[in-house]
Amino acid sequence: MLYLIDKPLADLAYRTAEGDDDARAVLIQDGVLLDPPTERFVEAYAVERDADVRGVSLPARVEAIPYERVVELTLEHEVNTFV
């Protein structure tokens, strides 16, 4: 499942993803300020534009992606949104 995560609902997203062996995180808006727990997510992405606007450097394991890739991911996976 793909989890879209913004900062205000991050704790709920992390708890929801617990036990999901195929969990993927997309950090969006202020979510790019977070460092998602490695034990919960197979892959972690952050919206590149959101990170640039906020002037943040992403952790090495979080891949910066454009909005177009977010759309592709939402079409490829079941989505659970915490935005």
N, C-alpha and C. Protein backbone atom coordinates (compact mmCIF):
# COMPACT_ATOMS: atom_id res chain seq x y z
N MET A 1 0.84 -1.17 0.00
CA MET A 1 0.00 0.00 0.00
C MET A 1 0.89 1.24 0.00
N LEU A 2 0.40 2.29 -0.62
CA LEU A 2 1.09 3.57 -0.69
C LEU A 2 0.47 4.51 0.35
N TYR A 3 1.31 5.08 1.19
CA TYR A 3 0.86 6.00 2.24
C TYR A 3 1.31 7.41 1.90
N LEU A 4 0.37 8.31 1.67
CA LEU A 4 0.68 9.72 1.45
C LEU A 4 0.68 10.38 2.83
N ILE A 5 1.79 10.99 3.20
CA ILE A 5 1.96 11.44 4.58
C ILE A 5 2.35 12.91 4.66
N ASP A 6 1.55 13.67 5.40
CA ASP A 6 1.86 15.05 5.75
C ASP A 6 2.18 15.05 7.25
N LYS A 7 2.90 16.02 7.71
CA LYS A 7 3.40 16.05 9.09
C LYS A 7 2.31 15.94 10.17
N PRO A 8 1.18 16.66 10.07
CA PRO A 8 0.21 16.59 11.18
C PRO A 8 -0.34 15.18 11.46
N LEU A 9 -0.41 14.33 10.44
CA LEU A 9 -0.98 12.99 10.64
C LEU A 9 0.06 11.88 10.55
N ALA A 10 1.32 12.23 10.66
CA ALA A 10 2.40 11.25 10.49
C ALA A 10 2.33 10.11 11.50
N ASP A 11 2.10 10.41 12.77
CA ASP A 11 2.06 9.34 13.77
C ASP A 11 0.97 8.33 13.46
N LEU A 12 -0.19 8.81 13.05
CA LEU A 12 -1.29 7.91 12.67
C LEU A 12 -0.90 7.09 11.44
N ALA A 13 -0.24 7.71 10.48
CA ALA A 13 0.20 6.99 9.28
C ALA A 13 1.19 5.89 9.64
N TYR A 14 2.14 6.21 10.51
CA TYR A 14 3.14 5.22 10.91
C TYR A 14 2.49 4.04 11.64
N ARG A 15 1.55 4.33 12.51
CA ARG A 15 0.85 3.24 13.23
C ARG A 15 0.02 2.40 12.26
N THR A 16 -0.60 3.04 11.30
CA THR A 16 -1.42 2.33 10.32
C THR A 16 -0.56 1.43 9.44
N ALA A 17 0.64 1.90 9.08
CA ALA A 17 1.53 1.14 8.21
C ALA A 17 2.19 -0.04 8.91
N GLU A 18 2.13 -0.04 10.24
CA GLU A 18 2.75 -1.13 11.00
C GLU A 18 2.14 -2.46 10.57
N GLY A 19 2.98 -3.40 10.24
CA GLY A 19 2.52 -4.72 9.84
C GLY A 19 2.24 -4.84 8.35
N ASP A 20 2.32 -3.75 7.60
CA ASP A 20 2.13 -3.79 6.15
C ASP A 20 3.49 -4.03 5.51
N ASP A 21 3.72 -5.27 5.05
CA ASP A 21 5.03 -5.64 4.51
C ASP A 21 5.35 -4.98 3.18
N ASP A 22 4.35 -4.36 2.55
CA ASP A 22 4.55 -3.72 1.25
C ASP A 22 4.34 -2.20 1.34
N ALA A 23 4.48 -1.64 2.53
CA ALA A 23 4.22 -0.21 2.75
C ALA A 23 5.26 0.66 2.06
N ARG A 24 4.76 1.67 1.35
CA ARG A 24 5.61 2.67 0.71
C ARG A 24 5.11 4.03 1.15
N ALA A 25 6.03 4.92 1.51
CA ALA A 25 5.65 6.24 1.99
C ALA A 25 5.96 7.30 0.94
N VAL A 26 5.04 8.25 0.78
CA VAL A 26 5.30 9.45 -0.01
C VAL A 26 5.08 10.63 0.94
N LEU A 27 6.15 11.32 1.24
CA LEU A 27 6.08 12.50 2.10
C LEU A 27 5.68 13.69 1.23
N ILE A 28 4.64 14.37 1.66
CA ILE A 28 4.07 15.45 0.86
C ILE A 28 3.84 16.66 1.75
N GLN A 29 3.92 17.84 1.19
CA GLN A 29 3.77 19.11 1.91
C GLN A 29 4.76 19.15 3.07
N ASP A 30 4.33 19.44 4.31
CA ASP A 30 5.25 19.49 5.44
C ASP A 30 5.76 18.10 5.85
N GLY A 31 5.23 17.06 5.26
CA GLY A 31 5.72 15.71 5.51
C GLY A 31 7.18 15.55 5.10
N VAL A 32 7.65 16.39 4.17
CA VAL A 32 9.05 16.29 3.73
C VAL A 32 10.02 16.66 4.85
N LEU A 33 9.52 17.22 5.94
CA LEU A 33 10.36 17.56 7.08
C LEU A 33 10.63 16.34 7.97
N LEU A 34 9.96 15.22 7.68
CA LEU A 34 10.05 14.02 8.49
C LEU A 34 11.10 13.05 7.97
N ASP A 35 11.51 12.14 8.84
CA ASP A 35 12.37 11.02 8.47
C ASP A 35 11.59 9.76 8.84
N PRO A 36 10.89 9.16 7.87
CA PRO A 36 10.04 8.02 8.21
C PRO A 36 10.84 6.84 8.76
N PRO A 37 10.26 6.12 9.71
CA PRO A 37 10.98 5.00 10.32
C PRO A 37 11.30 3.91 9.30
N THR A 38 12.55 3.48 9.26
CA THR A 38 13.01 2.51 8.27
C THR A 38 12.33 1.16 8.40
N GLU A 39 11.95 0.79 9.59
CA GLU A 39 11.36 -0.54 9.79
C GLU A 39 9.92 -0.62 9.30
N ARG A 40 9.31 0.48 8.92
CA ARG A 40 7.91 0.47 8.50
C ARG A 40 7.70 0.54 6.99
N PHE A 41 8.70 1.02 6.25
CA PHE A 41 8.48 1.28 4.83
C PHE A 41 9.54 0.64 3.94
N VAL A 42 9.08 -0.09 2.93
CA VAL A 42 9.96 -0.71 1.95
C VAL A 42 10.69 0.36 1.16
N GLU A 43 9.94 1.38 0.75
CA GLU A 43 10.50 2.51 0.00
C GLU A 43 9.93 3.79 0.58
N ALA A 44 10.72 4.86 0.50
CA ALA A 44 10.24 6.16 0.97
C ALA A 44 10.60 7.21 -0.08
N TYR A 45 9.61 8.03 -0.39
CA TYR A 45 9.76 9.10 -1.37
C TYR A 45 9.35 10.42 -0.73
N ALA A 46 9.78 11.51 -1.34
CA ALA A 46 9.34 12.84 -0.93
C ALA A 46 9.11 13.65 -2.19
N VAL A 47 8.08 14.48 -2.16
CA VAL A 47 7.80 15.34 -3.31
C VAL A 47 8.93 16.37 -3.41
N GLU A 48 9.63 16.30 -4.52
CA GLU A 48 10.82 17.13 -4.74
C GLU A 48 10.51 18.62 -4.57
N ARG A 49 9.43 19.08 -5.16
CA ARG A 49 9.06 20.50 -5.10
C ARG A 49 8.80 20.93 -3.66
N ASP A 50 8.12 20.08 -2.89
CA ASP A 50 7.83 20.41 -1.49
C ASP A 50 9.13 20.53 -0.67
N ALA A 51 10.09 19.65 -0.94
CA ALA A 51 11.38 19.72 -0.24
C ALA A 51 12.15 20.97 -0.64
N ASP A 52 12.14 21.28 -1.93
CA ASP A 52 12.84 22.48 -2.42
C ASP A 52 12.27 23.76 -1.81
N VAL A 53 10.94 23.87 -1.79
CA VAL A 53 10.28 25.06 -1.26
C VAL A 53 10.62 25.25 0.22
N ARG A 54 10.77 24.15 0.94
CA ARG A 54 11.04 24.23 2.38
C ARG A 54 12.54 24.25 2.68
N GLY A 55 13.37 24.09 1.66
CA GLY A 55 14.81 24.14 1.85
C GLY A 55 15.38 23.01 2.66
N VAL A 56 14.78 21.82 2.55
CA VAL A 56 15.25 20.68 3.33
C VAL A 56 16.09 19.73 2.49
N SER A 57 17.06 19.13 3.14
CA SER A 57 17.82 18.04 2.55
C SER A 57 17.19 16.76 3.03
N LEU A 58 16.90 15.89 2.11
CA LEU A 58 16.23 14.63 2.46
C LEU A 58 17.24 13.60 2.94
N PRO A 59 16.82 12.72 3.85
CA PRO A 59 17.69 11.61 4.25
C PRO A 59 18.06 10.79 3.01
N ALA A 60 19.22 10.15 3.03
CA ALA A 60 19.72 9.41 1.87
C ALA A 60 18.74 8.36 1.37
N ARG A 61 18.00 7.74 2.24
CA ARG A 61 17.09 6.66 1.82
C ARG A 61 15.75 7.15 1.31
N VAL A 62 15.51 8.46 1.35
CA VAL A 62 14.26 9.04 0.85
C VAL A 62 14.54 9.63 -0.54
N GLU A 63 13.85 9.09 -1.54
CA GLU A 63 14.05 9.52 -2.93
C GLU A 63 13.14 10.70 -3.26
N ALA A 64 13.74 11.76 -3.79
CA ALA A 64 12.96 12.92 -4.23
C ALA A 64 12.31 12.59 -5.58
N ILE A 65 10.99 12.84 -5.67
CA ILE A 65 10.27 12.54 -6.91
C ILE A 65 9.38 13.72 -7.29
N PRO A 66 9.12 13.90 -8.59
CA PRO A 66 8.22 14.97 -9.02
C PRO A 66 6.76 14.55 -8.80
N TYR A 67 5.85 15.53 -8.85
CA TYR A 67 4.42 15.22 -8.68
C TYR A 67 3.93 14.20 -9.70
N GLU A 68 4.49 14.23 -10.92
CA GLU A 68 4.06 13.28 -11.94
C GLU A 68 4.30 11.83 -11.48
N ARG A 69 5.39 11.61 -10.78
CA ARG A 69 5.69 10.26 -10.27
C ARG A 69 4.73 9.90 -9.14
N VAL A 70 4.33 10.87 -8.34
CA VAL A 70 3.34 10.61 -7.29
C VAL A 70 2.05 10.10 -7.93
N VAL A 71 1.63 10.75 -9.01
CA VAL A 71 0.41 10.32 -9.71
C VAL A 71 0.57 8.88 -10.21
N GLU A 72 1.71 8.58 -10.81
CA GLU A 72 1.96 7.21 -11.29
C GLU A 72 1.88 6.21 -10.15
N LEU A 73 2.50 6.53 -9.02
CA LEU A 73 2.47 5.63 -7.87
C LEU A 73 1.05 5.40 -7.36
N THR A 74 0.24 6.46 -7.36
CA THR A 74 -1.14 6.31 -6.89
C THR A 74 -1.97 5.44 -7.82
N LEU A 75 -1.58 5.38 -9.08
CA LEU A 75 -2.28 4.51 -10.04
C LEU A 75 -1.79 3.07 -9.94
N GLU A 76 -0.57 2.88 -9.46
CA GLU A 76 0.03 1.55 -9.36
C GLU A 76 -0.30 0.83 -8.06
N HIS A 77 -0.65 1.59 -7.01
CA HIS A 77 -0.83 1.00 -5.68
C HIS A 77 -2.16 1.44 -5.06
N GLU A 78 -2.63 0.63 -4.15
CA GLU A 78 -3.74 1.07 -3.30
C GLU A 78 -3.20 2.19 -2.42
N VAL A 79 -4.02 3.20 -2.15
CA VAL A 79 -3.54 4.40 -1.45
C VAL A 79 -4.28 4.59 -0.14
N ASN A 80 -3.53 4.98 0.87
CA ASN A 80 -4.07 5.38 2.15
C ASN A 80 -3.50 6.77 2.42
N THR A 81 -4.35 7.79 2.52
CA THR A 81 -3.84 9.15 2.61
C THR A 81 -3.95 9.73 4.02
N PHE A 82 -2.87 10.38 4.42
CA PHE A 82 -2.79 11.06 5.70
C PHE A 82 -2.33 12.49 5.46
N VAL A 83 -3.03 13.16 4.53
CA VAL A 83 -2.70 14.54 4.13
C VAL A 83 -3.82 15.44 4.56
